[in-house]
C-alpha atoms as a PDB file:
ATOM      1  CA  MET A   1     -23.452  75.206  37.001  1.00  0.00           C
ATOM      2  CA  GLU A   2     -23.141  78.917  36.304  1.00  0.00           C
ATOM      3  CA  TYR A   3     -25.817  79.994  33.697  1.00  0.00           C
ATOM      4  CA  ALA A   4     -26.601  83.499  32.596  1.00  0.00           C
ATOM      5  CA  GLU A   5     -28.755  85.076  29.833  1.00  0.00           C
ATOM      6  CA  HIS A   6     -27.517  88.385  28.318  1.00  0.00           C
ATOM      7  CA  PRO A   7     -29.518  91.476  27.338  1.00  0.00           C
ATOM      8  CA  LEU A   8     -30.687  91.597  23.739  1.00  0.00           C
ATOM      9  CA  PRO A   9     -31.678  94.578  21.558  1.00  0.00           C
ATOM     10  CA  SER A  10     -35.381  95.164  20.700  1.00  0.00           C
ATOM     11  CA  THR A  11     -34.606  94.317  17.114  1.00  0.00           C
ATOM     12  CA  LEU A  12     -34.437  90.659  18.076  1.00  0.00           C
ATOM     13  CA  ASP A  13     -37.845  90.575  19.691  1.00  0.00           C
ATOM     14  CA  GLY A  14     -39.819  87.637  18.103  1.00  0.00           C
ATOM     15  CA  PHE A  15     -36.709  86.081  16.667  1.00  0.00           C
ATOM     16  CA  VAL A  16     -34.417  85.218  19.552  1.00  0.00           C
ATOM     17  CA  ALA A  17     -35.515  84.182  22.980  1.00  0.00           C
ATOM     18  CA  ALA A  18     -32.007  84.470  24.659  1.00  0.00           C
ATOM     19  CA  VAL A  19     -28.273  84.452  24.201  1.00  0.00           C
ATOM     20  CA  TRP A  20     -26.781  82.570  27.114  1.00  0.00           C
ATOM     21  CA  THR A  21     -23.346  81.454  28.527  1.00  0.00           C
ATOM     22  CA  ALA A  22     -22.790  78.491  30.899  1.00  0.00           C
ATOM     23  CA  ARG A  23     -19.837  77.148  32.761  1.00  0.00           C
ATOM     24  CA  VAL A  24     -19.348  73.900  34.688  1.00  0.00           C
ATOM     25  CA  PRO A  25     -17.216  74.159  37.830  1.00  0.00           C
ATOM     26  CA  GLU A  26     -13.861  72.463  37.712  1.00  0.00           C
ATOM     27  CA  ASP A  27     -14.228  70.899  41.188  1.00  0.00           C
ATOM     28  CA  GLY A  28     -17.037  68.718  42.395  1.00  0.00           C
ATOM     29  CA  GLY A  29     -16.502  65.741  40.130  1.00  0.00           C
ATOM     30  CA  GLU A  30     -15.270  64.892  36.674  1.00  0.00           C
ATOM     31  CA  TRP A  31     -18.738  64.997  35.302  1.00  0.00           C
ATOM     32  CA  MET A  32     -21.913  66.822  36.192  1.00  0.00           C
ATOM     33  CA  GLU A  33     -25.320  65.463  35.376  1.00  0.00           C
ATOM     34  CA  GLN A  34     -27.916  68.024  34.464  1.00  0.00           C
ATOM     35  CA  GLU A  35     -31.377  68.023  32.934  1.00  0.00           C
ATOM     36  CA  ALA A  36     -32.416  70.622  30.315  1.00  0.00           C
ATOM     37  CA  VAL A  37     -36.173  71.185  30.357  1.00  0.00           C
ATOM     38  CA  PRO A  38     -38.238  71.953  27.156  1.00  0.00           C
ATOM     39  CA  ASP A  39     -38.720  75.659  26.433  1.00  0.00           C
ATOM     40  CA  GLY A  40     -40.123  75.856  22.856  1.00  0.00           C
ATOM     41  CA  CYS A  41     -36.770  76.896  21.275  1.00  0.00           C
ATOM     42  CA  VAL A  42     -34.085  75.524  18.985  1.00  0.00           C
ATOM     43  CA  GLU A  43     -30.653  76.110  20.398  1.00  0.00           C
ATOM     44  CA  LEU A  44     -27.532  76.766  18.431  1.00  0.00           C
ATOM     45  CA  ILE A  45     -24.649  75.984  20.858  1.00  0.00           C
ATOM     46  CA  ARG A  46     -20.880  76.287  20.779  1.00  0.00           C
ATOM     47  CA  ARG A  47     -18.849  74.392  23.393  1.00  0.00           C
ATOM     48  CA  GLU A  48     -15.813  76.592  24.057  1.00  0.00           C
ATOM     49  CA  CYS A  49     -14.022  73.873  25.909  1.00  0.00           C
ATOM     50  CA  GLY A  50     -14.511  70.570  27.764  1.00  0.00           C
ATOM     51  CA  ARG A  51     -16.876  67.789  26.894  1.00  0.00           C
ATOM     52  CA  SER A  52     -20.679  67.239  26.761  1.00  0.00           C
ATOM     53  CA  ILE A  53     -22.774  64.120  26.254  1.00  0.00           C
ATOM     54  CA  TRP A  54     -26.465  63.716  25.467  1.00  0.00           C
ATOM     55  CA  ARG A  55     -26.905  60.177  24.363  1.00  0.00           C
ATOM     56  CA  SER A  56     -23.531  60.405  22.562  1.00  0.00           C
ATOM     57  CA  GLU A  57     -20.554  62.755  22.525  1.00  0.00           C
ATOM     58  CA  GLN A  58     -21.456  66.073  21.116  1.00  0.00           C
ATOM     59  CA  PRO A  59     -19.185  68.088  18.700  1.00  0.00           C
ATOM     60  CA  GLU A  60     -17.947  71.711  19.171  1.00  0.00           C
ATOM     61  CA  ILE A  61     -20.975  73.265  17.462  1.00  0.00           C
ATOM     62  CA  PHE A  62     -24.371  71.686  17.494  1.00  0.00           C
ATOM     63  CA  ALA A  63     -28.158  72.484  17.555  1.00  0.00           C
ATOM     64  CA  THR A  64     -30.792  70.971  19.920  1.00  0.00           C
ATOM     65  CA  GLY A  65     -34.239  70.585  18.438  1.00  0.00           C
ATOM     66  CA  LEU A  66     -37.625  71.299  19.974  1.00  0.00           C
ATOM     67  CA  ALA A  67     -37.869  69.274  23.140  1.00  0.00           C
ATOM     68  CA  THR A  68     -40.984  67.811  24.656  1.00  0.00           C
ATOM     69  CA  VAL A  69     -39.263  66.002  27.491  1.00  0.00           C
ATOM     70  CA  THR A  70     -36.188  66.785  29.611  1.00  0.00           C
ATOM     71  CA  ALA A  71     -32.803  66.007  28.102  1.00  0.00           C
ATOM     72  CA  LYS A  72     -30.413  64.180  30.445  1.00  0.00           C
ATOM     73  CA  LEU A  73     -26.952  65.702  29.980  1.00  0.00           C
ATOM     74  CA  LYS A  74     -23.449  64.842  31.163  1.00  0.00           C
ATOM     75  CA  LEU A  75     -21.100  67.812  31.192  1.00  0.00           C
ATOM     76  CA  GLY A  76     -17.431  67.591  31.810  1.00  0.00           C
ATOM     77  CA  ALA A  77     -15.713  69.573  34.595  1.00  0.00           C
ATOM     78  CA  GLY A  78     -14.718  72.992  33.353  1.00  0.00           C
ATOM     79  CA  ALA A  79     -16.735  72.860  30.198  1.00  0.00           C
ATOM     80  CA  ARG A  80     -17.975  76.258  28.920  1.00  0.00           C
ATOM     81  CA  PHE A  81     -20.763  76.975  26.541  1.00  0.00           C
ATOM     82  CA  THR A  82     -22.263  79.823  24.524  1.00  0.00           C
ATOM     83  CA  GLY A  83     -25.749  79.325  23.136  1.00  0.00           C
ATOM     84  CA  ILE A  84     -28.531  81.005  21.246  1.00  0.00           C
ATOM     85  CA  LYS A  85     -32.207  80.198  21.863  1.00  0.00           C
ATOM     86  CA  LEU A  86     -33.916  80.621  18.601  1.00  0.00           C
ATOM     87  CA  TRP A  87     -37.674  80.563  18.088  1.00  0.00           C
ATOM     88  CA  PRO A  88     -38.249  77.781  15.636  1.00  0.00           C
ATOM     89  CA  TRP A  89     -39.503  80.086  12.807  1.00  0.00           C
ATOM     90  CA  SER A  90     -36.254  82.068  13.217  1.00  0.00           C
ATOM     91  CA  TRP A  91     -34.239  78.870  12.949  1.00  0.00           C
ATOM     92  CA  HIS A  92     -35.959  78.131   9.634  1.00  0.00           C
ATOM     93  CA  VAL A  93     -35.346  81.700   8.371  1.00  0.00           C
ATOM     94  CA  LEU A  94     -31.620  81.070   8.898  1.00  0.00           C
ATOM     95  CA  GLY A  95     -31.846  77.903   6.752  1.00  0.00           C
ATOM     96  CA  GLY A  96     -31.677  75.397   9.637  1.00  0.00           C
ATOM     97  CA  ALA A  97     -32.845  71.827   9.199  1.00  0.00           C
ATOM     98  CA  PRO A  98     -36.664  71.266   9.493  1.00  0.00           C
ATOM     99  CA  CYS A  99     -37.528  71.168  13.199  1.00  0.00           C
ATOM    100  CA  PRO A 100     -39.481  67.913  13.060  1.00  0.00           C
ATOM    101  CA  THR A 101     -36.317  66.041  11.790  1.00  0.00           C
ATOM    102  CA  PHE A 102     -34.415  66.484  15.049  1.00  0.00           C
ATOM    103  CA  ALA A 103     -37.068  66.876  17.757  1.00  0.00           C
ATOM    104  CA  ASP A 104     -35.904  65.742  21.221  1.00  0.00           C
ATOM    105  CA  ASP A 105     -32.434  65.309  19.728  1.00  0.00           C
ATOM    106  CA  TRP A 106     -29.417  67.184  18.441  1.00  0.00           C
ATOM    107  CA  ILE A 107     -27.578  67.594  15.116  1.00  0.00           C
ATOM    108  CA  THR A 108     -24.092  68.657  14.134  1.00  0.00           C
ATOM    109  CA  VAL A 109     -23.916  72.096  12.655  1.00  0.00           C
ATOM    110  CA  GLU A 110     -21.348  72.685   9.894  1.00  0.00           C
ATOM    111  CA  ASN A 111     -22.983  75.454   7.761  1.00  0.00           C
ATOM    112  CA  PRO A 112     -20.613  78.409   8.100  1.00  0.00           C
ATOM    113  CA  ARG A 113     -23.481  80.850   8.106  1.00  0.00           C
ATOM    114  CA  LEU A 114     -24.831  79.286  11.298  1.00  0.00           C
ATOM    115  CA  THR A 115     -21.500  78.565  12.994  1.00  0.00           C
ATOM    116  CA  ALA A 116     -20.444  82.156  12.592  1.00  0.00           C
ATOM    117  CA  LEU A 117     -23.556  83.416  14.502  1.00  0.00           C
ATOM    118  CA  VAL A 118     -22.456  81.624  17.706  1.00  0.00           C
ATOM    119  CA  SER A 119     -18.883  82.921  17.782  1.00  0.00           C
ATOM    120  CA  GLY A 120     -17.503  85.728  19.935  1.00  0.00           C
ATOM    121  CA  SER A 121     -18.975  87.632  22.914  1.00  0.00           C
ATOM    122  CA  PRO A 122     -22.734  87.828  23.644  1.00  0.00           C
ATOM    123  CA  ILE A 123     -22.647  91.457  22.331  1.00  0.00           C
ATOM    124  CA  GLU A 124     -21.066  90.465  19.063  1.00  0.00           C
ATOM    125  CA  ILE A 125     -23.486  87.565  18.673  1.00  0.00           C
ATOM    126  CA  ALA A 126     -26.473  89.841  19.217  1.00  0.00           C
ATOM    127  CA  GLU A 127     -25.140  92.255  16.613  1.00  0.00           C
ATOM    128  CA  ARG A 128     -24.710  89.304  14.043  1.00  0.00           C
ATOM    129  CA  LEU A 129     -28.152  88.166  14.783  1.00  0.00           C
ATOM    130  CA  SER A 130     -29.641  91.538  14.258  1.00  0.00           C
ATOM    131  CA  GLU A 131     -28.015  91.722  10.810  1.00  0.00           C
ATOM    132  CA  ALA A 132     -29.175  88.210   9.931  1.00  0.00           C
ATOM    133  CA  PHE A 133     -32.794  88.975  10.717  1.00  0.00           C
ATOM    134  CA  CYS A 134     -32.916  92.504   9.424  1.00  0.00           C
ATOM    135  CA  GLY A 135     -35.930  92.865   7.088  1.00  0.00           C
ATOM    136  CA  LYS A 136     -37.257  89.322   7.775  1.00  0.00           C
ATOM    137  CA  ASP A 137     -40.895  88.635   8.445  1.00  0.00           C
ATOM    138  CA  VAL A 138     -42.055  86.093  10.994  1.00  0.00           C
ATOM    139  CA  GLY A 139     -45.701  87.144  11.338  1.00  0.00           C
ATOM    140  CA  LEU A 140     -46.998  83.749  12.304  1.00  0.00           C
ATOM    141  CA  GLY A 141     -44.316  83.343  14.904  1.00  0.00           C
ATOM    142  CA  ARG A 142     -45.178  86.705  16.481  1.00  0.00           C
ATOM    143  CA  ALA A 143     -48.762  85.567  16.575  1.00  0.00           C
ATOM    144  CA  MET A 144     -47.744  82.453  18.373  1.00  0.00           C
ATOM    145  CA  LEU A 145     -45.873  84.350  20.945  1.00  0.00           C
ATOM    146  CA  ALA A 146     -48.844  86.903  21.505  1.00  0.00           C
ATOM    147  CA  GLY A 147     -51.760  84.516  21.378  1.00  0.00           C
ATOM    148  CA  ASN A 148     -53.287  82.849  24.400  1.00  0.00           C
ATOM    149  CA  THR A 149     -55.455  80.404  22.441  1.00  0.00           C
ATOM    150  CA  VAL A 150     -55.209  78.542  19.140  1.00  0.00           C
ATOM    151  CA  ALA A 151     -58.102  80.632  17.793  1.00  0.00           C
ATOM    152  CA  GLU A 152     -56.480  83.918  18.754  1.00  0.00           C
ATOM    153  CA  ILE A 153     -53.177  82.805  17.084  1.00  0.00           C
ATOM    154  CA  ALA A 154     -55.111  82.003  13.850  1.00  0.00           C
ATOM    155  CA  ALA A 155     -56.903  85.429  13.997  1.00  0.00           C
ATOM    156  CA  ARG A 156     -53.662  87.306  14.596  1.00  0.00           C
ATOM    157  CA  ALA A 157     -51.971  85.518  11.693  1.00  0.00           C
ATOM    158  CA  GLY A 158     -54.916  85.933   9.347  1.00  0.00           C
ATOM    159  CA  ILE A 159     -55.208  82.239   8.564  1.00  0.00           C
ATOM    160  CA  SER A 160     -57.785  79.490   9.195  1.00  0.00           C
ATOM    161  CA  LEU A 161     -57.523  77.088  12.157  1.00  0.00           C
ATOM    162  CA  ARG A 162     -56.898  74.292   9.637  1.00  0.00           C
ATOM    163  CA  GLN A 163     -54.081  76.279   8.016  1.00  0.00           C
ATOM    164  CA  LEU A 164     -52.584  76.874  11.436  1.00  0.00           C
ATOM    165  CA  GLN A 165     -52.749  73.248  12.305  1.00  0.00           C
ATOM    166  CA  ARG A 166     -51.052  72.173   9.052  1.00  0.00           C
ATOM    167  CA  ARG A 167     -48.290  74.764   9.361  1.00  0.00           C
ATOM    168  CA  CYS A 168     -47.491  73.827  12.882  1.00  0.00           C
ATOM    169  CA  GLU A 169     -47.361  70.169  12.168  1.00  0.00           C
ATOM    170  CA  ARG A 170     -45.082  70.875   9.164  1.00  0.00           C
ATOM    171  CA  ASP A 171     -42.834  73.549  10.787  1.00  0.00           C
ATOM    172  CA  LEU A 172     -42.860  72.403  14.465  1.00  0.00           C
ATOM    173  CA  GLY A 173     -43.837  68.785  14.437  1.00  0.00           C
ATOM    174  CA  MET A 174     -46.540  69.400  16.911  1.00  0.00           C
ATOM    175  CA  SER A 175     -49.991  70.913  17.181  1.00  0.00           C
ATOM    176  CA  PRO A 176     -50.345  74.631  17.964  1.00  0.00           C
ATOM    177  CA  ARG A 177     -52.153  73.689  21.211  1.00  0.00           C
ATOM    178  CA  ARG A 178     -49.099  71.586  22.326  1.00  0.00           C
ATOM    179  CA  TYR A 179     -46.730  74.372  21.433  1.00  0.00           C
ATOM    180  CA  LEU A 180     -48.816  76.858  23.416  1.00  0.00           C
ATOM    181  CA  CYS A 181     -48.517  74.521  26.436  1.00  0.00           C
ATOM    182  CA  LEU A 182     -44.728  74.539  26.019  1.00  0.00           C
ATOM    183  CA  LEU A 183     -44.644  78.287  25.981  1.00  0.00           C
ATOM    184  CA  ARG A 184     -46.884  78.506  29.013  1.00  0.00           C
ATOM    185  CA  PHE A 185     -44.651  76.024  30.871  1.00  0.00           C
ATOM    186  CA  ARG A 186     -41.562  78.099  29.865  1.00  0.00           C
ATOM    187  CA  GLU A 187     -43.013  81.237  31.293  1.00  0.00           C
ATOM    188  CA  ALA A 188     -44.139  79.606  34.472  1.00  0.00           C
ATOM    189  CA  MET A 189     -40.747  77.955  34.939  1.00  0.00           C
ATOM    190  CA  GLN A 190     -39.001  81.319  34.625  1.00  0.00           C
ATOM    191  CA  SER A 191     -41.551  82.983  36.981  1.00  0.00           C
ATOM    192  CA  ILE A 192     -40.986  80.463  39.871  1.00  0.00           C
ATOM    193  CA  GLN A 193     -37.210  81.006  39.685  1.00  0.00           C
ATOM    194  CA  VAL A 194     -37.580  84.800  39.969  1.00  0.00           C
ATOM    195  CA  HIS A 195     -40.540  85.320  42.236  1.00  0.00           C
ATOM    196  CA  ASP A 196     -41.523  83.836  45.588  1.00  0.00           C
ATOM    197  CA  ASP A 197     -45.248  84.057  44.842  1.00  0.00           C
ATOM    198  CA  PRO A 198     -47.411  81.302  46.024  1.00  0.00           C
ATOM    199  CA  LEU A 199     -47.665  78.602  43.332  1.00  0.00           C
ATOM    200  CA  ALA A 200     -51.452  79.005  43.087  1.00  0.00           C
ATOM    201  CA  ALA A 201     -50.876  82.696  42.181  1.00  0.00           C
ATOM    202  CA  THR A 202     -48.230  81.657  39.611  1.00  0.00           C
ATOM    203  CA  ALA A 203     -50.746  79.149  38.061  1.00  0.00           C
ATOM    204  CA  ALA A 204     -53.484  81.743  37.854  1.00  0.00           C
ATOM    205  CA  GLU A 205     -51.098  84.309  36.330  1.00  0.00           C
ATOM    206  CA  HIS A 206     -50.044  82.041  33.583  1.00  0.00           C
ATOM    207  CA  GLY A 207     -53.460  80.793  32.501  1.00  0.00           C
ATOM    208  CA  TYR A 208     -53.627  77.390  34.303  1.00  0.00           C
ATOM    209  CA  ALA A 209     -57.003  76.256  35.605  1.00  0.00           C
ATOM    210  CA  ASP A 210     -55.525  75.821  39.065  1.00  0.00           C
ATOM    211  CA  GLN A 211     -52.304  74.810  40.836  1.00  0.00           C
ATOM    212  CA  ALA A 212     -52.936  71.076  40.236  1.00  0.00           C
ATOM    213  CA  HIS A 213     -53.207  71.800  36.490  1.00  0.00           C
ATOM    214  CA  MET A 214     -49.760  73.520  36.566  1.00  0.00           C
ATOM    215  CA  ALA A 215     -48.273  70.716  38.618  1.00  0.00           C
ATOM    216  CA  ARG A 216     -49.427  68.116  36.009  1.00  0.00           C
ATOM    217  CA  GLU A 217     -47.799  70.163  33.205  1.00  0.00           C
ATOM    218  CA  PHE A 218     -44.592  70.505  35.184  1.00  0.00           C
ATOM    219  CA  ARG A 219     -44.370  66.767  35.718  1.00  0.00           C
ATOM    220  CA  ASP A 220     -45.136  66.290  31.969  1.00  0.00           C
ATOM    221  CA  PHE A 221     -42.367  68.654  30.757  1.00  0.00           C
ATOM    222  CA  ALA A 222     -39.872  68.873  33.661  1.00  0.00           C
ATOM    223  CA  GLY A 223     -40.470  65.470  35.404  1.00  0.00           C
ATOM    224  CA  MET A 224     -41.015  67.161  38.734  1.00  0.00           C
ATOM    225  CA  PRO A 225     -43.559  69.457  40.506  1.00  0.00           C
ATOM    226  CA  PRO A 226     -43.098  73.286  40.505  1.00  0.00           C
ATOM    227  CA  SER A 227     -41.919  73.141  44.234  1.00  0.00           C
ATOM    228  CA  LYS A 228     -38.957  71.030  43.368  1.00  0.00           C
ATOM    229  CA  ALA A 229     -38.207  72.947  40.160  1.00  0.00           C
ATOM    230  CA  ARG A 230     -38.090  76.186  42.148  1.00  0.00           C
ATOM    231  CA  VAL A 231     -35.218  75.015  44.230  1.00  0.00           C
ATOM    232  CA  ARG A 232     -33.388  72.916  41.752  1.00  0.00           C
ATOM    233  CA  ALA A 233     -33.562  74.898  38.442  1.00  0.00           C
ATOM    234  CA  LYS A 234     -31.320  77.664  37.083  1.00  0.00           C
ATOM    235  CA  GLY A 235     -32.654  78.858  33.783  1.00  0.00           C
ATOM    236  CA  PRO A 236     -33.563  75.781  31.720  1.00  0.00           C
ATOM    237  CA  PHE A 237     -31.274  73.485  33.646  1.00  0.00           C
ATOM    238  CA  VAL A 238     -32.106  71.406  36.600  1.00  0.00           C
ATOM    239  CA  ARG A 239     -29.472  70.172  38.959  1.00  0.00           C
ATOM    240  CA  THR A 240     -28.986  66.506  39.517  1.00  0.00           C
ATOM    241  CA  HIS A 241     -25.633  65.420  40.850  1.00  0.00           C
ATOM    242  CA  ALA A 242     -21.895  64.994  40.079  1.00  0.00           C
ATOM    243  CA  ALA A 243     -20.853  61.750  38.434  1.00  0.00           C
ATOM    244  CA  ARG A 244     -17.180  60.642  38.662  1.00  0.00           C
ATOM    245  CA  THR A 245     -17.181  57.833  36.022  1.00  0.00           C
ATOM    246  CA  ILE A 246     -15.773  58.980  32.753  1.00  0.00           C
ATOM    247  CA  PRO A 247     -17.648  57.460  29.818  1.00  0.00           C
ATOM    248  CA  THR A 248     -15.750  55.794  26.996  1.00  0.00           C
ATOM    249  CA  ARG A 249     -15.398  57.958  23.863  1.00  0.00           C
END
């Protein structure tokens, strides 16, 4: 599958993790099976053409919730997608459904304010997002992205550890420590795809106790060790294989 993330203006720092496009080849089978690994984001997705299935047939515009395990997808030959990776606090600023209500799942999106955001070219989408977030405050979210420990996040946000715990359970549906693990995994997954550094060096760079610690976390979130993810992953997607059976609608 062809997957690309597009440049974003600095105005979207702390709000949007990526705007991406993807295309499934028309040859190689009627269906392609892929796995999408967790990355700490809510995704607003428009399927430009073709079909996609995750548990059930997906509509043209949908949102995927915060994931803690890999999502097993079936994508039709020639399908094309445009997506926005939103940090969960940004999704809530836009009026999206509470994250805990569709964790490890997807929902149909019909709100015109949201559907309009994912229309057009990546440049147009970035411009609309910049307008939508202009003047908005996501202080706790920025603290989550900048902090390396739960205590550091609480200190940056100016709240107690108990308050941080309650807000994460309410807004994310998980503990702050678990969300930090997701962010660390996300960064390590990106790193092994871009750099050829030894895995032990990657583990140290991203705050793992050792390479074995990183491998356990990769098996937890991606279902495979870092060595396999390095050769099979493109962005958040892991290649599996083509499947020729067409599911019943």
